[in-house]
Amino acid sequence: MAKFKHHVFICTNERDESASRPSCSSEGSGKLKSAFKDAVKEAGLKGQVRANELGCLDQCEHGPVVVVYPDAVWYGFVHVKDVEEIVTEHLLRGRPVERLRLADTCLNTESCPHKPMPKRK
């Protein structure tokens, strides 16, 4: 089997409702994997693009989160209605969907506009 051109990773992490951080699954990420698989197939990309669900990507405040490799493009607040646009624009045409793209300043940082302010001691 030839290697895939793109891997689409979809966070489906689940946390208890009382957890200090939200979880992507509570924001509807469970439906994203099948939506991506269907859209990839419809676009004729089966065998070239692989959609995988996985646990926490540690971007909980941006969920549901999707990351496309090898491009290292991180998408936040992704919903089923966004899947066709990501597949068509990014995976087919090579143009990341900027309106969904997470800013580099929000990735793996202590603070960004989407994270609550840390409590002062």
PDB file of N, CA and C in Angstrom:
ATOM      1  N   MET A   1       0.839  -1.186   0.000  1.00  0.00           N
ATOM      2  CA  MET A   1       0.000   0.000   0.000  1.00  0.00           C
ATOM      3  C   MET A   1       0.888   1.254   0.000  1.00  0.00           C
ATOM      4  N   ALA A   2       0.559   2.184  -0.849  1.00  0.00           N
ATOM      5  CA  ALA A   2       1.298   3.447  -0.908  1.00  0.00           C
ATOM      6  C   ALA A   2       1.011   4.270   0.349  1.00  0.00           C
ATOM      7  N   LYS A   3       1.937   5.138   0.682  1.00  0.00           N
ATOM      8  CA  LYS A   3       1.710   5.973   1.858  1.00  0.00           C
ATOM      9  C   LYS A   3       0.635   7.014   1.565  1.00  0.00           C
ATOM     10  N   PHE A   4       0.018   7.495   2.634  1.00  0.00           N
ATOM     11  CA  PHE A   4      -1.030   8.500   2.498  1.00  0.00           C
ATOM     12  C   PHE A   4      -0.421   9.872   2.276  1.00  0.00           C
ATOM     13  N   LYS A   5      -1.101  10.682   1.492  1.00  0.00           N
ATOM     14  CA  LYS A   5      -0.657  12.055   1.257  1.00  0.00           C
ATOM     15  C   LYS A   5      -0.957  12.926   2.483  1.00  0.00           C
ATOM     16  N   HIS A   6      -2.094  12.667   3.100  1.00  0.00           N
ATOM     17  CA  HIS A   6      -2.492  13.414   4.303  1.00  0.00           C
ATOM     18  C   HIS A   6      -3.087  12.477   5.345  1.00  0.00           C
ATOM     19  N   HIS A   7      -2.864  12.817   6.592  1.00  0.00           N
ATOM     20  CA  HIS A   7      -3.554  12.200   7.718  1.00  0.00           C
ATOM     21  C   HIS A   7      -4.366  13.293   8.384  1.00  0.00           C
ATOM     22  N   VAL A   8      -5.636  13.002   8.629  1.00  0.00           N
ATOM     23  CA  VAL A   8      -6.517  13.919   9.331  1.00  0.00           C
ATOM     24  C   VAL A   8      -6.789  13.302  10.693  1.00  0.00           C
ATOM     25  N   PHE A   9      -6.333  13.970  11.747  1.00  0.00           N
ATOM     26  CA  PHE A   9      -6.533  13.478  13.106  1.00  0.00           C
ATOM     27  C   PHE A   9      -7.638  14.283  13.777  1.00  0.00           C
ATOM     28  N   ILE A  10      -8.619  13.576  14.302  1.00  0.00           N
ATOM     29  CA  ILE A  10      -9.798  14.191  14.905  1.00  0.00           C
ATOM     30  C   ILE A  10      -9.817  13.847  16.385  1.00  0.00           C
ATOM     31  N   CYS A  11      -9.766  14.849  17.231  1.00  0.00           N
ATOM     32  CA  CYS A  11      -9.800  14.608  18.664  1.00  0.00           C
ATOM     33  C   CYS A  11     -11.207  14.173  19.077  1.00  0.00           C
ATOM     34  N   THR A  12     -11.283  13.029  19.740  1.00  0.00           N
ATOM     35  CA  THR A  12     -12.564  12.546  20.268  1.00  0.00           C
ATOM     36  C   THR A  12     -12.443  12.278  21.768  1.00  0.00           C
ATOM     37  N   ASN A  13     -11.535  12.995  22.414  1.00  0.00           N
ATOM     38  CA  ASN A  13     -11.320  12.800  23.847  1.00  0.00           C
ATOM     39  C   ASN A  13     -12.590  13.086  24.643  1.00  0.00           C
ATOM     40  N   GLU A  14     -12.805  12.272  25.660  1.00  0.00           N
ATOM     41  CA  GLU A  14     -13.956  12.448  26.552  1.00  0.00           C
ATOM     42  C   GLU A  14     -13.471  12.755  27.953  1.00  0.00           C
ATOM     43  N   ARG A  15     -14.067  13.754  28.557  1.00  0.00           N
ATOM     44  CA  ARG A  15     -13.802  14.097  29.956  1.00  0.00           C
ATOM     45  C   ARG A  15     -15.124  14.171  30.684  1.00  0.00           C
ATOM     46  N   ASP A  16     -15.057  13.979  31.964  1.00  0.00           N
ATOM     47  CA  ASP A  16     -16.232  14.148  32.805  1.00  0.00           C
ATOM     48  C   ASP A  16     -16.668  15.609  32.747  1.00  0.00           C
ATOM     49  N   GLU A  17     -17.957  15.832  32.862  1.00  0.00           N
ATOM     50  CA  GLU A  17     -18.471  17.208  32.800  1.00  0.00           C
ATOM     51  C   GLU A  17     -17.901  18.106  33.890  1.00  0.00           C
ATOM     52  N   SER A  18     -17.451  17.518  34.987  1.00  0.00           N
ATOM     53  CA  SER A  18     -16.911  18.308  36.088  1.00  0.00           C
ATOM     54  C   SER A  18     -15.422  18.626  35.915  1.00  0.00           C
ATOM     55  N   ALA A  19     -14.806  18.158  34.840  1.00  0.00           N
ATOM     56  CA  ALA A  19     -13.380  18.405  34.602  1.00  0.00           C
ATOM     57  C   ALA A  19     -13.115  19.896  34.432  1.00  0.00           C
ATOM     58  N   SER A  20     -11.879  20.284  34.719  1.00  0.00           N
ATOM     59  CA  SER A  20     -11.516  21.703  34.627  1.00  0.00           C
ATOM     60  C   SER A  20     -11.397  22.200  33.193  1.00  0.00           C
ATOM     61  N   ARG A  21     -11.266  21.286  32.243  1.00  0.00           N
ATOM     62  CA  ARG A  21     -11.159  21.662  30.840  1.00  0.00           C
ATOM     63  C   ARG A  21     -12.263  20.957  30.053  1.00  0.00           C
ATOM     64  N   PRO A  22     -12.707  21.560  28.961  1.00  0.00           N
ATOM     65  CA  PRO A  22     -13.742  20.908  28.146  1.00  0.00           C
ATOM     66  C   PRO A  22     -13.164  19.722  27.375  1.00  0.00           C
ATOM     67  N   SER A  23     -14.027  18.946  26.754  1.00  0.00           N
ATOM     68  CA  SER A  23     -13.549  17.854  25.904  1.00  0.00           C
ATOM     69  C   SER A  23     -14.167  17.978  24.528  1.00  0.00           C
ATOM     70  N   CYS A  24     -13.421  17.529  23.538  1.00  0.00           N
ATOM     71  CA  CYS A  24     -13.891  17.632  22.155  1.00  0.00           C
ATOM     72  C   CYS A  24     -15.156  16.803  21.927  1.00  0.00           C
ATOM     73  N   SER A  25     -15.257  15.656  22.581  1.00  0.00           N
ATOM     74  CA  SER A  25     -16.433  14.814  22.347  1.00  0.00           C
ATOM     75  C   SER A  25     -17.708  15.497  22.818  1.00  0.00           C
ATOM     76  N   SER A  26     -17.626  16.261  23.902  1.00  0.00           N
ATOM     77  CA  SER A  26     -18.823  16.950  24.382  1.00  0.00           C
ATOM     78  C   SER A  26     -19.226  18.081  23.444  1.00  0.00           C
ATOM     79  N   GLU A  27     -18.319  18.474  22.557  1.00  0.00           N
ATOM     80  CA  GLU A  27     -18.602  19.520  21.574  1.00  0.00           C
ATOM     81  C   GLU A  27     -19.001  18.940  20.218  1.00  0.00           C
ATOM     82  N   GLY A  28     -19.186  17.613  20.146  1.00  0.00           N
ATOM     83  CA  GLY A  28     -19.691  16.997  18.922  1.00  0.00           C
ATOM     84  C   GLY A  28     -18.677  16.379  17.996  1.00  0.00           C
ATOM     85  N   SER A  29     -17.463  16.105  18.468  1.00  0.00           N
ATOM     86  CA  SER A  29     -16.434  15.572  17.571  1.00  0.00           C
ATOM     87  C   SER A  29     -16.700  14.137  17.134  1.00  0.00           C
ATOM     88  N   GLY A  30     -17.558  13.433  17.824  1.00  0.00           N
ATOM     89  CA  GLY A  30     -17.832  12.043  17.468  1.00  0.00           C
ATOM     90  C   GLY A  30     -18.350  11.861  16.055  1.00  0.00           C
ATOM     91  N   LYS A  31     -19.069  12.813  15.550  1.00  0.00           N
ATOM     92  CA  LYS A  31     -19.630  12.723  14.195  1.00  0.00           C
ATOM     93  C   LYS A  31     -18.636  13.137  13.115  1.00  0.00           C
ATOM     94  N   LEU A  32     -17.537  13.757  13.510  1.00  0.00           N
ATOM     95  CA  LEU A  32     -16.578  14.272  12.536  1.00  0.00           C
ATOM     96  C   LEU A  32     -15.856  13.165  11.773  1.00  0.00           C
ATOM     97  N   LYS A  33     -15.490  12.076  12.457  1.00  0.00           N
ATOM     98  CA  LYS A  33     -14.733  11.023  11.780  1.00  0.00           C
ATOM     99  C   LYS A  33     -15.519  10.462  10.605  1.00  0.00           C
ATOM    100  N   SER A  34     -16.774  10.098  10.818  1.00  0.00           N
ATOM    101  CA  SER A  34     -17.554   9.539   9.709  1.00  0.00           C
ATOM    102  C   SER A  34     -17.801  10.588   8.630  1.00  0.00           C
ATOM    103  N   ALA A  35     -17.965  11.842   9.019  1.00  0.00           N
ATOM    104  CA  ALA A  35     -18.150  12.913   8.035  1.00  0.00           C
ATOM    105  C   ALA A  35     -16.891  13.066   7.178  1.00  0.00           C
ATOM    106  N   PHE A  36     -15.713  13.021   7.800  1.00  0.00           N
ATOM    107  CA  PHE A  36     -14.471  13.110   7.038  1.00  0.00           C
ATOM    108  C   PHE A  36     -14.296  11.906   6.128  1.00  0.00           C
ATOM    109  N   LYS A  37     -14.571  10.710   6.630  1.00  0.00           N
ATOM    110  CA  LYS A  37     -14.428   9.506   5.803  1.00  0.00           C
ATOM    111  C   LYS A  37     -15.334   9.586   4.578  1.00  0.00           C
ATOM    112  N   ASP A  38     -16.585  10.003   4.786  1.00  0.00           N
ATOM    113  CA  ASP A  38     -17.520  10.132   3.667  1.00  0.00           C
ATOM    114  C   ASP A  38     -17.054  11.187   2.669  1.00  0.00           C
ATOM    115  N   ALA A  39     -16.619  12.338   3.175  1.00  0.00           N
ATOM    116  CA  ALA A  39     -16.189  13.434   2.292  1.00  0.00           C
ATOM    117  C   ALA A  39     -14.919  13.063   1.526  1.00  0.00           C
ATOM    118  N   VAL A  40     -14.005  12.364   2.175  1.00  0.00           N
ATOM    119  CA  VAL A  40     -12.774  11.915   1.507  1.00  0.00           C
ATOM    120  C   VAL A  40     -13.120  10.956   0.366  1.00  0.00           C
ATOM    121  N   LYS A  41     -14.018  10.030   0.639  1.00  0.00           N
ATOM    122  CA  LYS A  41     -14.437   9.072  -0.395  1.00  0.00           C
ATOM    123  C   LYS A  41     -15.119   9.788  -1.559  1.00  0.00           C
ATOM    124  N   GLU A  42     -16.040  10.697  -1.246  1.00  0.00           N
ATOM    125  CA  GLU A  42     -16.770  11.436  -2.282  1.00  0.00           C
ATOM    126  C   GLU A  42     -15.835  12.296  -3.134  1.00  0.00           C
ATOM    127  N   ALA A  43     -14.748  12.771  -2.531  1.00  0.00           N
ATOM    128  CA  ALA A  43     -13.790  13.614  -3.265  1.00  0.00           C
ATOM    129  C   ALA A  43     -12.801  12.779  -4.078  1.00  0.00           C
ATOM    130  N   GLY A  44     -12.917  11.450  -3.998  1.00  0.00           N
ATOM    131  CA  GLY A  44     -12.003  10.586  -4.741  1.00  0.00           C
ATOM    132  C   GLY A  44     -10.620  10.483  -4.107  1.00  0.00           C
ATOM    133  N   LEU A  45     -10.533  10.737  -2.821  1.00  0.00           N
ATOM    134  CA  LEU A  45      -9.248  10.743  -2.134  1.00  0.00           C
ATOM    135  C   LEU A  45      -9.002   9.495  -1.289  1.00  0.00           C
ATOM    136  N   LYS A  46      -9.899   8.525  -1.365  1.00  0.00           N
ATOM    137  CA  LYS A  46      -9.705   7.303  -0.588  1.00  0.00           C
ATOM    138  C   LYS A  46      -8.387   6.656  -1.022  1.00  0.00           C
ATOM    139  N   GLY A  47      -7.582   6.255  -0.040  1.00  0.00           N
ATOM    140  CA  GLY A  47      -6.262   5.705  -0.318  1.00  0.00           C
ATOM    141  C   GLY A  47      -5.171   6.759  -0.322  1.00  0.00           C
ATOM    142  N   GLN A  48      -5.569   8.035  -0.411  1.00  0.00           N
ATOM    143  CA  GLN A  48      -4.612   9.141  -0.373  1.00  0.00           C
ATOM    144  C   GLN A  48      -4.680   9.903   0.946  1.00  0.00           C
ATOM    145  N   VAL A  49      -5.868   9.876   1.563  1.00  0.00           N
ATOM    146  CA  VAL A  49      -6.104  10.600   2.805  1.00  0.00           C
ATOM    147  C   VAL A  49      -6.680   9.622   3.818  1.00  0.00           C
ATOM    148  N   ARG A  50      -6.159   9.659   5.023  1.00  0.00           N
ATOM    149  CA  ARG A  50      -6.644   8.796   6.095  1.00  0.00           C
ATOM    150  C   ARG A  50      -7.182   9.662   7.219  1.00  0.00           C
ATOM    151  N   ALA A  51      -8.431   9.430   7.613  1.00  0.00           N
ATOM    152  CA  ALA A  51      -9.052  10.139   8.736  1.00  0.00           C
ATOM    153  C   ALA A  51      -9.038   9.213   9.944  1.00  0.00           C
ATOM    154  N   ASN A  52      -8.424   9.676  11.030  1.00  0.00           N
ATOM    155  CA  ASN A  52      -8.309   8.899  12.255  1.00  0.00           C
ATOM    156  C   ASN A  52      -8.825   9.687  13.441  1.00  0.00           C
ATOM    157  N   GLU A  53      -9.514   8.995  14.347  1.00  0.00           N
ATOM    158  CA  GLU A  53      -9.865   9.624  15.612  1.00  0.00           C
ATOM    159  C   GLU A  53      -8.783   9.280  16.619  1.00  0.00           C
ATOM    160  N   LEU A  54      -8.585  10.145  17.577  1.00  0.00           N
ATOM    161  CA  LEU A  54      -7.609   9.878  18.616  1.00  0.00           C
ATOM    162  C   LEU A  54      -7.998  10.603  19.879  1.00  0.00           C
ATOM    163  N   GLY A  55      -7.247  10.340  20.925  1.00  0.00           N
ATOM    164  CA  GLY A  55      -7.498  10.980  22.207  1.00  0.00           C
ATOM    165  C   GLY A  55      -7.061  12.433  22.197  1.00  0.00           C
ATOM    166  N   CYS A  56      -6.765  12.923  23.338  1.00  0.00           N
ATOM    167  CA  CYS A  56      -6.519  14.343  23.546  1.00  0.00           C
ATOM    168  C   CYS A  56      -5.336  14.885  22.735  1.00  0.00           C
ATOM    169  N   LEU A  57      -5.572  16.009  22.076  1.00  0.00           N
ATOM    170  CA  LEU A  57      -4.526  16.753  21.382  1.00  0.00           C
ATOM    171  C   LEU A  57      -4.056  17.947  22.216  1.00  0.00           C
ATOM    172  N   ASP A  58      -4.590  18.055  23.433  1.00  0.00           N
ATOM    173  CA  ASP A  58      -4.240  19.103  24.394  1.00  0.00           C
ATOM    174  C   ASP A  58      -4.552  20.510  23.887  1.00  0.00           C
ATOM    175  N   GLN A  59      -5.609  20.615  23.129  1.00  0.00           N
ATOM    176  CA  GLN A  59      -6.098  21.912  22.652  1.00  0.00           C
ATOM    177  C   GLN A  59      -7.579  22.036  23.026  1.00  0.00           C
ATOM    178  N   CYS A  60      -7.883  21.624  24.242  1.00  0.00           N
ATOM    179  CA  CYS A  60      -9.259  21.416  24.699  1.00  0.00           C
ATOM    180  C   CYS A  60     -10.159  22.639  24.555  1.00  0.00           C
ATOM    181  N   GLU A  61      -9.628  23.806  24.772  1.00  0.00           N
ATOM    182  CA  GLU A  61     -10.433  25.027  24.681  1.00  0.00           C
ATOM    183  C   GLU A  61     -10.784  25.399  23.246  1.00  0.00           C
ATOM    184  N   HIS A  62     -10.232  24.673  22.292  1.00  0.00           N
ATOM    185  CA  HIS A  62     -10.456  24.956  20.878  1.00  0.00           C
ATOM    186  C   HIS A  62     -11.303  23.888  20.199  1.00  0.00           C
ATOM    187  N   GLY A  63     -11.902  23.021  20.980  1.00  0.00           N
ATOM    188  CA  GLY A  63     -12.571  21.849  20.421  1.00  0.00           C
ATOM    189  C   GLY A  63     -13.900  22.117  19.770  1.00  0.00           C
ATOM    190  N   PRO A  64     -14.248  21.224  18.894  1.00  0.00           N
ATOM    191  CA  PRO A  64     -13.517  20.079  18.402  1.00  0.00           C
ATOM    192  C   PRO A  64     -12.301  20.490  17.564  1.00  0.00           C
ATOM    193  N   VAL A  65     -11.217  19.740  17.763  1.00  0.00           N
ATOM    194  CA  VAL A  65      -9.942  20.034  17.106  1.00  0.00           C
ATOM    195  C   VAL A  65      -9.632  18.963  16.067  1.00  0.00           C
ATOM    196  N   VAL A  66      -9.111  19.417  14.925  1.00  0.00           N
ATOM    197  CA  VAL A  66      -8.685  18.539  13.839  1.00  0.00           C
ATOM    198  C   VAL A  66      -7.307  19.033  13.403  1.00  0.00           C
ATOM    199  N   VAL A  67      -6.383  18.104  13.163  1.00  0.00           N
ATOM    200  CA  VAL A  67      -5.067  18.492  12.657  1.00  0.00           C
ATOM    201  C   VAL A  67      -4.766  17.677  11.406  1.00  0.00           C
ATOM    202  N   VAL A  68      -4.207  18.351  10.398  1.00  0.00           N
ATOM    203  CA  VAL A  68      -3.877  17.714   9.129  1.00  0.00           C
ATOM    204  C   VAL A  68      -2.361  17.652   8.993  1.00  0.00           C
ATOM    205  N   TYR A  69      -1.858  16.433   8.846  1.00  0.00           N
ATOM    206  CA  TYR A  69      -0.430  16.211   8.621  1.00  0.00           C
ATOM    207  C   TYR A  69      -0.230  15.614   7.245  1.00  0.00           C
ATOM    208  N   PRO A  70       0.889  15.880   6.590  1.00  0.00           N
ATOM    209  CA  PRO A  70       2.113  16.451   7.133  1.00  0.00           C
ATOM    210  C   PRO A  70       2.143  17.971   7.153  1.00  0.00           C
ATOM    211  N   ASP A  71       1.048  18.617   6.831  1.00  0.00           N
ATOM    212  CA  ASP A  71       1.021  20.080   6.742  1.00  0.00           C
ATOM    213  C   ASP A  71       1.091  20.772   8.102  1.00  0.00           C
ATOM    214  N   ALA A  72       0.795  20.021   9.181  1.00  0.00           N
ATOM    215  CA  ALA A  72       0.771  20.589  10.534  1.00  0.00           C
ATOM    216  C   ALA A  72      -0.178  21.775  10.622  1.00  0.00           C
ATOM    217  N   VAL A  73      -1.337  21.633   9.999  1.00  0.00           N
ATOM    218  CA  VAL A  73      -2.372  22.665  10.070  1.00  0.00           C
ATOM    219  C   VAL A  73      -3.382  22.225  11.118  1.00  0.00           C
ATOM    220  N   TRP A  74      -3.563  23.072  12.118  1.00  0.00           N
ATOM    221  CA  TRP A  74      -4.478  22.802  13.223  1.00  0.00           C
ATOM    222  C   TRP A  74      -5.756  23.612  13.034  1.00  0.00           C
ATOM    223  N   TYR A  75      -6.876  22.916  13.111  1.00  0.00           N
ATOM    224  CA  TYR A  75      -8.185  23.557  13.005  1.00  0.00           C
ATOM    225  C   TYR A  75      -8.905  23.457  14.343  1.00  0.00           C
ATOM    226  N   GLY A  76      -9.595  24.519  14.697  1.00  0.00           N
ATOM    227  CA  GLY A  76     -10.365  24.527  15.936  1.00  0.00           C
ATOM    228  C   GLY A  76     -11.820  24.844  15.681  1.00  0.00           C
ATOM    229  N   PHE A  77     -12.641  24.415  16.635  1.00  0.00           N
ATOM    230  CA  PHE A  77     -14.082  24.672  16.588  1.00  0.00           C
ATOM    231  C   PHE A  77     -14.702  24.107  15.309  1.00  0.00           C
ATOM    232  N   VAL A  78     -14.246  22.908  14.919  1.00  0.00           N
ATOM    233  CA  VAL A  78     -14.681  22.262  13.682  1.00  0.00           C
ATOM    234  C   VAL A  78     -15.997  21.529  13.919  1.00  0.00           C
ATOM    235  N   HIS A  79     -16.910  21.688  12.989  1.00  0.00           N
ATOM    236  CA  HIS A  79     -18.206  21.004  13.045  1.00  0.00           C
ATOM    237  C   HIS A  79     -18.444  20.280  11.719  1.00  0.00           C
ATOM    238  N   VAL A  80     -19.404  19.388  11.720  1.00  0.00           N
ATOM    239  CA  VAL A  80     -19.692  18.589  10.529  1.00  0.00           C
ATOM    240  C   VAL A  80     -19.890  19.480   9.304  1.00  0.00           C
ATOM    241  N   LYS A  81     -20.522  20.623   9.470  1.00  0.00           N
ATOM    242  CA  LYS A  81     -20.768  21.522   8.333  1.00  0.00           C
ATOM    243  C   LYS A  81     -19.471  22.059   7.721  1.00  0.00           C
ATOM    244  N   ASP A  82     -18.337  21.951   8.441  1.00  0.00           N
ATOM    245  CA  ASP A  82     -17.047  22.450   7.957  1.00  0.00           C
ATOM    246  C   ASP A  82     -16.239  21.399   7.201  1.00  0.00           C
ATOM    247  N   VAL A  83     -16.614  20.138   7.321  1.00  0.00           N
ATOM    248  CA  VAL A  83     -15.804  19.038   6.791  1.00  0.00           C
ATOM    249  C   VAL A  83     -15.635  19.128   5.279  1.00  0.00           C
ATOM    250  N   GLU A  84     -16.703  19.342   4.545  1.00  0.00           N
ATOM    251  CA  GLU A  84     -16.606  19.401   3.087  1.00  0.00           C
ATOM    252  C   GLU A  84     -15.647  20.506   2.637  1.00  0.00           C
ATOM    253  N   GLU A  85     -15.685  21.644   3.322  1.00  0.00           N
ATOM    254  CA  GLU A  85     -14.791  22.755   2.968  1.00  0.00           C
ATOM    255  C   GLU A  85     -13.326  22.386   3.229  1.00  0.00           C
ATOM    256  N   ILE A  86     -13.049  21.727   4.348  1.00  0.00           N
ATOM    257  CA  ILE A  86     -11.674  21.313   4.643  1.00  0.00           C
ATOM    258  C   ILE A  86     -11.192  20.313   3.598  1.00  0.00           C
ATOM    259  N   VAL A  87     -12.030  19.352   3.250  1.00  0.00           N
ATOM    260  CA  VAL A  87     -11.634  18.346   2.258  1.00  0.00           C
ATOM    261  C   VAL A  87     -11.420  18.996   0.896  1.00  0.00           C
ATOM    262  N   THR A  88     -12.353  19.822   0.460  1.00  0.00           N
ATOM    263  CA  THR A  88     -12.254  20.446  -0.859  1.00  0.00           C
ATOM    264  C   THR A  88     -11.107  21.445  -0.934  1.00  0.00           C
ATOM    265  N   GLU A  89     -11.069  22.370   0.005  1.00  0.00           N
ATOM    266  CA  GLU A  89     -10.072  23.436  -0.068  1.00  0.00           C
ATOM    267  C   GLU A  89      -8.672  22.967   0.329  1.00  0.00           C
ATOM    268  N   HIS A  90      -8.574  22.287   1.452  1.00  0.00           N
ATOM    269  CA  HIS A  90      -7.243  21.915   1.943  1.00  0.00           C
ATOM    270  C   HIS A  90      -6.722  20.641   1.294  1.00  0.00           C
ATOM    271  N   LEU A  91      -7.504  19.571   1.368  1.00  0.00           N
ATOM    272  CA  LEU A  91      -6.989  18.280   0.912  1.00  0.00           C
ATOM    273  C   LEU A  91      -6.954  18.154  -0.609  1.00  0.00           C
ATOM    274  N   LEU A  92      -7.887  18.764  -1.303  1.00  0.00           N
ATOM    275  CA  LEU A  92      -7.887  18.713  -2.769  1.00  0.00           C
ATOM    276  C   LEU A  92      -7.082  19.849  -3.394  1.00  0.00           C
ATOM    277  N   ARG A  93      -7.287  21.069  -2.907  1.00  0.00           N
ATOM    278  CA  ARG A  93      -6.686  22.244  -3.540  1.00  0.00           C
ATOM    279  C   ARG A  93      -5.424  22.759  -2.858  1.00  0.00           C
ATOM    280  N   GLY A  94      -5.110  22.210  -1.679  1.00  0.00           N
ATOM    281  CA  GLY A  94      -3.886  22.617  -0.989  1.00  0.00           C
ATOM    282  C   GLY A  94      -3.952  23.964  -0.310  1.00  0.00           C
ATOM    283  N   ARG A  95      -5.168  24.453  -0.053  1.00  0.00           N
ATOM    284  CA  ARG A  95      -5.338  25.759   0.587  1.00  0.00           C
ATOM    285  C   ARG A  95      -6.014  25.572   1.941  1.00  0.00           C
ATOM    286  N   PRO A  96      -5.273  25.709   3.045  1.00  0.00           N
ATOM    287  CA  PRO A  96      -5.900  25.576   4.356  1.00  0.00           C
ATOM    288  C   PRO A  96      -7.072  26.548   4.520  1.00  0.00           C
ATOM    289  N   VAL A  97      -8.042  26.139   5.295  1.00  0.00           N
ATOM    290  CA  VAL A  97      -9.231  26.951   5.550  1.00  0.00           C
ATOM    291  C   VAL A  97      -8.898  27.901   6.701  1.00  0.00           C
ATOM    292  N   GLU A  98      -8.554  29.122   6.352  1.00  0.00           N
ATOM    293  CA  GLU A  98      -8.044  30.085   7.326  1.00  0.00           C
ATOM    294  C   GLU A  98      -9.055  30.425   8.420  1.00  0.00           C
ATOM    295  N   ARG A  99     -10.332  30.447   8.117  1.00  0.00           N
ATOM    296  CA  ARG A  99     -11.322  30.826   9.132  1.00  0.00           C
ATOM    297  C   ARG A  99     -11.402  29.817  10.269  1.00  0.00           C
ATOM    298  N   LEU A 100     -10.938  28.587  10.040  1.00  0.00           N
ATOM    299  CA  LEU A 100     -10.953  27.549  11.070  1.00  0.00           C
ATOM    300  C   LEU A 100      -9.569  27.272  11.659  1.00  0.00           C
ATOM    301  N   ARG A 101      -8.562  27.825  11.052  1.00  0.00           N
ATOM    302  CA  ARG A 101      -7.185  27.538  11.461  1.00  0.00           C
ATOM    303  C   ARG A 101      -6.879  28.170  12.809  1.00  0.00           C
ATOM    304  N   LEU A 102      -6.266  27.374  13.683  1.00  0.00           N
ATOM    305  CA  LEU A 102      -5.845  27.903  14.974  1.00  0.00           C
ATOM    306  C   LEU A 102      -4.548  28.679  14.798  1.00  0.00           C
ATOM    307  N   ALA A 103      -4.483  29.833  15.413  1.00  0.00           N
ATOM    308  CA  ALA A 103      -3.269  30.657  15.354  1.00  0.00           C
ATOM    309  C   ALA A 103      -2.138  29.942  16.079  1.00  0.00           C
ATOM    310  N   ASP A 104      -0.934  30.065  15.563  1.00  0.00           N
ATOM    311  CA  ASP A 104       0.228  29.477  16.225  1.00  0.00           C
ATOM    312  C   ASP A 104       0.352  29.960  17.663  1.00  0.00           C
ATOM    313  N   THR A 105      -0.100  31.182  17.922  1.00  0.00           N
ATOM    314  CA  THR A 105      -0.018  31.737  19.280  1.00  0.00           C
ATOM    315  C   THR A 105      -0.978  31.056  20.247  1.00  0.00           C
ATOM    316  N   CYS A 106      -1.888  30.245  19.743  1.00  0.00           N
ATOM    317  CA  CYS A 106      -2.818  29.503  20.604  1.00  0.00           C
ATOM    318  C   CYS A 106      -2.384  28.053  20.825  1.00  0.00           C
ATOM    319  N   LEU A 107      -1.407  27.580  20.093  1.00  0.00           N
ATOM    320  CA  LEU A 107      -0.990  26.184  20.194  1.00  0.00           C
ATOM    321  C   LEU A 107       0.084  26.015  21.260  1.00  0.00           C
ATOM    322  N   ASN A 108      -0.184  25.128  22.195  1.00  0.00           N
ATOM    323  CA  ASN A 108       0.767  24.779  23.252  1.00  0.00           C
ATOM    324  C   ASN A 108       1.278  25.999  24.016  1.00  0.00           C
ATOM    325  N   THR A 109       0.361  26.879  24.358  1.00  0.00           N
ATOM    326  CA  THR A 109       0.714  28.068  25.128  1.00  0.00           C
ATOM    327  C   THR A 109      -0.096  28.089  26.414  1.00  0.00           C
ATOM    328  N   GLU A 110       0.401  28.829  27.372  1.00  0.00           N
ATOM    329  CA  GLU A 110      -0.300  28.961  28.654  1.00  0.00           C
ATOM    330  C   GLU A 110      -1.581  29.776  28.511  1.00  0.00           C
ATOM    331  N   SER A 111      -1.570  30.725  27.582  1.00  0.00           N
ATOM    332  CA  SER A 111      -2.753  31.559  27.445  1.00  0.00           C
ATOM    333  C   SER A 111      -3.003  31.914  25.986  1.00  0.00           C
ATOM    334  N   CYS A 112      -4.253  32.074  25.685  1.00  0.00           N
ATOM    335  CA  CYS A 112      -4.710  32.570  24.394  1.00  0.00           C
ATOM    336  C   CYS A 112      -6.132  33.063  24.628  1.00  0.00           C
ATOM    337  N   PRO A 113      -6.733  33.723  23.674  1.00  0.00           N
ATOM    338  CA  PRO A 113      -8.074  34.274  23.900  1.00  0.00           C
ATOM    339  C   PRO A 113      -9.140  33.219  24.257  1.00  0.00           C
ATOM    340  N   HIS A 114      -8.877  31.944  23.958  1.00  0.00           N
ATOM    341  CA  HIS A 114      -9.863  30.897  24.204  1.00  0.00           C
ATOM    342  C   HIS A 114      -9.713  30.220  25.559  1.00  0.00           C
ATOM    343  N   LYS A 115      -8.612  30.486  26.246  1.00  0.00           N
ATOM    344  CA  LYS A 115      -8.367  29.840  27.534  1.00  0.00           C
ATOM    345  C   LYS A 115      -8.722  30.791  28.668  1.00  0.00           C
ATOM    346  N   PRO A 116      -9.273  30.247  29.738  1.00  0.00           N
ATOM    347  CA  PRO A 116      -9.561  31.106  30.885  1.00  0.00           C
ATOM    348  C   PRO A 116      -8.271  31.662  31.494  1.00  0.00           C
ATOM    349  N   MET A 117      -8.370  32.835  32.058  1.00  0.00           N
ATOM    350  CA  MET A 117      -7.215  33.448  32.688  1.00  0.00           C
ATOM    351  C   MET A 117      -6.820  32.615  33.908  1.00  0.00           C
ATOM    352  N   PRO A 118      -5.509  32.415  34.134  1.00  0.00           N
ATOM    353  CA  PRO A 118      -5.086  31.685  35.322  1.00  0.00           C
ATOM    354  C   PRO A 118      -5.455  32.447  36.592  1.00  0.00           C
ATOM    355  N   LYS A 119      -5.762  31.716  37.625  1.00  0.00           N
ATOM    356  CA  LYS A 119      -6.114  32.340  38.897  1.00  0.00           C
ATOM    357  C   LYS A 119      -4.851  32.890  39.561  1.00  0.00           C
ATOM    358  N   ARG A 120      -4.984  34.077  40.105  1.00  0.00           N
ATOM    359  CA  ARG A 120      -3.844  34.699  40.801  1.00  0.00           C
ATOM    360  C   ARG A 120      -3.791  34.181  42.231  1.00  0.00           C
ATOM    361  N   LYS A 121      -2.574  34.039  42.703  1.00  0.00           N
ATOM    362  CA  LYS A 121      -2.385  33.552  44.085  1.00  0.00           C
ATOM    363  C   LYS A 121      -2.400  34.685  45.061  1.00  0.00           C
TER     364      LYS A 121
END
